[in-house]
N, C-alpha and C. Protein backbone atom coordinates (compact mmCIF):
# COMPACT_ATOMS: atom_id res chain seq x y z
N MET A 1 118.76 136.68 102.92
CA MET A 1 118.06 135.49 103.70
C MET A 1 116.74 135.73 104.34
N ARG A 2 116.78 136.84 104.88
CA ARG A 2 115.43 137.33 105.61
C ARG A 2 114.26 137.40 104.83
N GLU A 3 114.48 137.77 103.40
CA GLU A 3 113.54 137.82 102.43
C GLU A 3 113.08 136.50 102.13
N CYS A 4 113.88 135.60 102.01
CA CYS A 4 113.60 134.19 101.77
C CYS A 4 112.73 133.60 102.65
N LYS A 5 112.68 133.85 103.83
CA LYS A 5 111.70 133.27 104.79
C LYS A 5 110.23 133.60 104.33
N LEU A 6 110.05 135.01 104.00
CA LEU A 6 108.78 135.49 103.55
C LEU A 6 108.28 134.71 102.33
N PHE A 7 109.32 134.57 101.30
CA PHE A 7 108.96 134.06 99.96
C PHE A 7 108.73 132.52 99.99
N LYS A 8 109.44 131.76 101.09
CA LYS A 8 109.29 130.48 101.23
C LYS A 8 107.86 130.05 101.82
N LYS A 9 107.46 130.93 102.39
CA LYS A 9 105.93 130.78 102.89
C LYS A 9 105.01 130.84 102.00
N LEU A 10 105.26 131.41 100.74
CA LEU A 10 104.29 131.66 99.78
C LEU A 10 104.37 130.66 98.80
N ILE A 11 105.55 129.79 98.76
CA ILE A 11 105.64 128.62 97.54
C ILE A 11 104.45 127.84 97.46
N LEU A 12 103.89 127.14 98.68
CA LEU A 12 102.84 126.23 98.64
C LEU A 12 101.70 126.84 98.05
N ASP A 13 101.40 128.10 98.37
CA ASP A 13 100.15 128.75 97.80
C ASP A 13 100.35 129.00 96.44
N TYR A 14 101.65 129.27 96.04
CA TYR A 14 102.10 129.60 94.52
C TYR A 14 101.81 128.30 93.85
N LEU A 15 102.15 127.11 94.24
CA LEU A 15 101.97 125.92 93.44
C LEU A 15 100.35 125.51 93.52
N GLU A 16 99.77 125.95 94.35
CA GLU A 16 98.30 125.65 94.30
C GLU A 16 97.45 126.76 93.67
N GLY A 17 98.30 127.62 93.11
CA GLY A 17 97.34 128.72 92.35
C GLY A 17 96.49 129.80 93.29
N GLN A 18 97.23 130.05 94.41
CA GLN A 18 96.16 130.75 95.34
C GLN A 18 96.88 132.18 95.74
N LEU A 19 97.87 132.46 94.91
CA LEU A 19 98.44 133.89 95.24
C LEU A 19 97.69 134.68 94.40
N ASN A 20 97.70 136.00 94.84
CA ASN A 20 97.13 136.93 93.95
C ASN A 20 98.26 137.35 93.06
N SER A 21 97.95 138.18 92.13
CA SER A 21 98.87 138.45 90.96
C SER A 21 100.25 139.17 91.25
N GLU A 22 99.95 140.13 92.47
CA GLU A 22 101.14 140.86 92.87
C GLU A 22 102.10 139.95 93.52
N ASP A 23 101.50 139.06 94.48
CA ASP A 23 102.45 138.13 95.09
C ASP A 23 103.06 137.31 94.29
N GLN A 24 102.30 136.66 93.27
CA GLN A 24 102.82 135.87 92.33
C GLN A 24 103.97 136.26 91.45
N ASN A 25 103.94 137.70 91.14
CA ASN A 25 104.94 138.28 90.39
C ASN A 25 106.23 138.53 91.20
N LEU A 26 105.85 139.01 92.36
CA LEU A 26 107.06 139.15 93.22
C LEU A 26 107.72 137.97 93.72
N LEU A 27 107.18 136.83 93.69
CA LEU A 27 107.67 135.48 94.15
C LEU A 27 108.52 134.88 92.78
N GLY A 28 108.03 135.23 91.76
CA GLY A 28 108.50 134.82 90.48
C GLY A 28 109.69 135.75 90.31
N GLN A 29 109.79 136.98 90.57
CA GLN A 29 110.92 137.64 90.35
C GLN A 29 112.08 137.15 91.38
N HIS A 30 111.71 136.77 92.56
CA HIS A 30 112.63 136.42 93.54
C HIS A 30 113.11 135.15 93.17
N LEU A 31 112.28 134.14 92.59
CA LEU A 31 112.70 132.75 92.29
C LEU A 31 113.77 132.90 91.07
N GLY A 32 113.69 133.86 90.31
CA GLY A 32 114.47 134.22 89.25
C GLY A 32 116.01 134.45 89.67
N ILE A 33 116.14 134.71 90.93
CA ILE A 33 117.54 135.39 91.36
C ILE A 33 118.00 134.33 92.57
N CYS A 34 117.23 133.56 93.29
CA CYS A 34 117.37 132.98 94.44
C CYS A 34 117.50 131.44 94.29
N HIS A 35 118.74 130.72 94.40
CA HIS A 35 118.83 129.50 93.97
C HIS A 35 118.22 128.60 95.27
N SER A 36 118.42 129.01 96.50
CA SER A 36 117.78 128.43 97.68
C SER A 36 116.30 128.40 97.53
N CYS A 37 115.57 129.28 97.18
CA CYS A 37 114.22 129.30 96.90
C CYS A 37 113.71 128.55 95.70
N GLN A 38 114.52 128.55 94.68
CA GLN A 38 114.29 127.60 93.44
C GLN A 38 114.32 126.06 94.05
N LYS A 39 115.45 125.82 94.84
CA LYS A 39 115.44 124.37 95.28
C LYS A 39 114.24 124.21 96.30
N GLU A 40 113.79 125.05 97.03
CA GLU A 40 112.57 124.71 97.89
C GLU A 40 111.38 124.56 96.98
N LEU A 41 111.32 125.27 95.88
CA LEU A 41 110.29 125.19 94.89
C LEU A 41 110.25 123.74 94.38
N GLU A 42 111.39 123.28 94.01
CA GLU A 42 111.35 121.95 93.34
C GLU A 42 111.23 120.82 94.29
N GLU A 43 111.62 121.13 95.55
CA GLU A 43 111.17 120.11 96.71
C GLU A 43 109.73 119.90 96.82
N PHE A 44 109.10 121.07 96.92
CA PHE A 44 107.83 121.13 97.12
C PHE A 44 106.96 120.37 95.88
N LYS A 45 107.37 120.73 94.78
CA LYS A 45 106.76 120.23 93.58
C LYS A 45 106.89 118.69 93.71
N THR A 46 108.07 118.26 93.94
CA THR A 46 108.31 116.65 93.96
C THR A 46 107.54 116.06 95.12
N THR A 47 107.44 116.84 96.24
CA THR A 47 106.62 116.24 97.52
C THR A 47 105.04 116.05 96.98
N LEU A 48 104.55 117.17 96.35
CA LEU A 48 103.34 117.26 95.92
C LEU A 48 102.82 116.12 94.95
N GLU A 49 103.86 115.92 94.08
CA GLU A 49 103.71 114.89 93.10
C GLU A 49 103.62 113.53 93.59
N VAL A 50 104.58 113.28 94.55
CA VAL A 50 104.48 111.97 95.34
C VAL A 50 103.09 111.88 96.19
N LEU A 51 102.73 112.89 96.75
CA LEU A 51 101.53 112.80 97.38
C LEU A 51 100.30 112.46 96.50
N LYS A 52 100.45 113.18 95.55
CA LYS A 52 99.11 113.01 94.49
C LYS A 52 99.24 111.52 93.96
N LYS A 53 100.37 110.97 93.68
CA LYS A 53 100.41 109.67 93.07
C LYS A 53 99.98 108.63 94.16
N GLU A 54 100.36 108.85 95.54
CA GLU A 54 100.04 107.94 96.49
C GLU A 54 98.55 108.05 96.61
N THR A 55 97.93 109.28 96.81
CA THR A 55 96.56 109.43 96.95
C THR A 55 95.94 108.71 95.97
N ARG A 56 96.15 108.82 94.64
CA ARG A 56 95.62 108.27 93.60
C ARG A 56 95.64 106.57 93.64
N ALA A 57 96.83 106.18 93.98
CA ALA A 57 96.89 104.72 94.11
C ALA A 57 96.38 104.20 95.52
N ARG A 58 95.97 104.95 96.41
CA ARG A 58 95.10 104.35 97.46
C ARG A 58 93.69 104.36 97.10
N ALA A 59 93.32 105.45 96.48
CA ALA A 59 91.81 105.57 95.96
C ALA A 59 91.62 104.44 94.87
N GLU A 60 92.43 104.10 94.14
CA GLU A 60 92.18 103.09 93.19
C GLU A 60 92.10 101.66 94.00
N GLU A 61 93.07 101.58 94.82
CA GLU A 61 93.02 100.20 95.78
C GLU A 61 91.75 100.10 96.54
N SER A 62 91.35 101.29 97.08
CA SER A 62 90.11 101.21 97.79
C SER A 62 88.89 100.94 96.94
N MET A 63 88.93 101.63 95.88
CA MET A 63 87.66 101.26 94.89
C MET A 63 87.68 99.93 94.55
N GLY A 64 88.89 99.29 94.22
CA GLY A 64 88.90 97.92 93.68
C GLY A 64 88.54 96.93 94.93
N ALA A 65 88.79 97.29 96.06
CA ALA A 65 88.35 96.31 97.17
C ALA A 65 86.92 96.42 97.39
N ASP A 66 86.47 97.79 97.45
CA ASP A 66 85.04 97.97 97.52
C ASP A 66 84.17 97.30 96.45
N PHE A 67 84.74 97.21 95.13
CA PHE A 67 83.97 96.77 94.21
C PHE A 67 84.06 95.19 94.33
N LEU A 68 85.13 94.61 94.73
CA LEU A 68 85.14 93.05 94.93
C LEU A 68 84.22 92.57 95.94
N VAL A 69 84.09 93.18 97.16
CA VAL A 69 83.27 93.02 98.17
C VAL A 69 81.92 93.16 97.80
N GLU A 70 81.59 94.11 96.80
CA GLU A 70 80.08 94.30 96.46
C GLU A 70 79.70 93.08 95.44
N VAL A 71 80.65 92.79 94.45
CA VAL A 71 80.49 91.56 93.67
C VAL A 71 80.30 90.39 94.36
N ARG A 72 81.01 90.11 95.33
CA ARG A 72 80.97 88.86 96.14
C ARG A 72 79.55 88.84 96.76
N SER A 73 79.16 90.09 97.46
CA SER A 73 77.81 89.93 98.13
C SER A 73 76.84 89.88 97.20
N LYS A 74 76.81 90.19 96.02
CA LYS A 74 75.74 90.02 95.12
C LYS A 74 75.66 88.67 94.60
N ILE A 75 76.85 87.95 94.44
CA ILE A 75 76.98 86.59 94.08
C ILE A 75 76.46 85.65 95.05
N GLU A 76 76.72 86.02 96.38
CA GLU A 76 76.23 85.26 97.39
C GLU A 76 74.67 85.32 97.59
N LYS A 77 74.09 86.60 97.33
CA LYS A 77 72.75 86.76 97.57
C LYS A 77 71.99 85.99 96.39
N LYS A 78 72.61 86.00 95.14
CA LYS A 78 71.99 85.14 93.98
C LYS A 78 72.06 83.66 94.09
N SER A 79 72.88 83.26 94.82
CA SER A 79 73.28 81.72 95.01
C SER A 79 72.37 81.23 96.24
N LYS A 80 71.84 82.04 97.00
CA LYS A 80 71.14 81.69 97.98
C LYS A 80 69.62 81.31 97.47
N PRO A 81 68.99 80.21 97.94
CA PRO A 81 67.78 79.79 97.63
C PRO A 81 66.72 80.89 98.02
């Protein structure tokens, strides 16, 4: 269990591709035998997927709103004498 604390700290870096090859191999071996850390990895993956989707959705909403404001502004400028 003590070992798990160390490996759980590496999971996010692992998912983001920021681990060196040695740590990546060690974590991979540990994940092969530790169900608790496997569960933690899956939870991190799910959380990151939700965050990415939410970020994308908000960015699209923001772009859409800005686009409409810009179009309306141009229409108003053209309609003024």
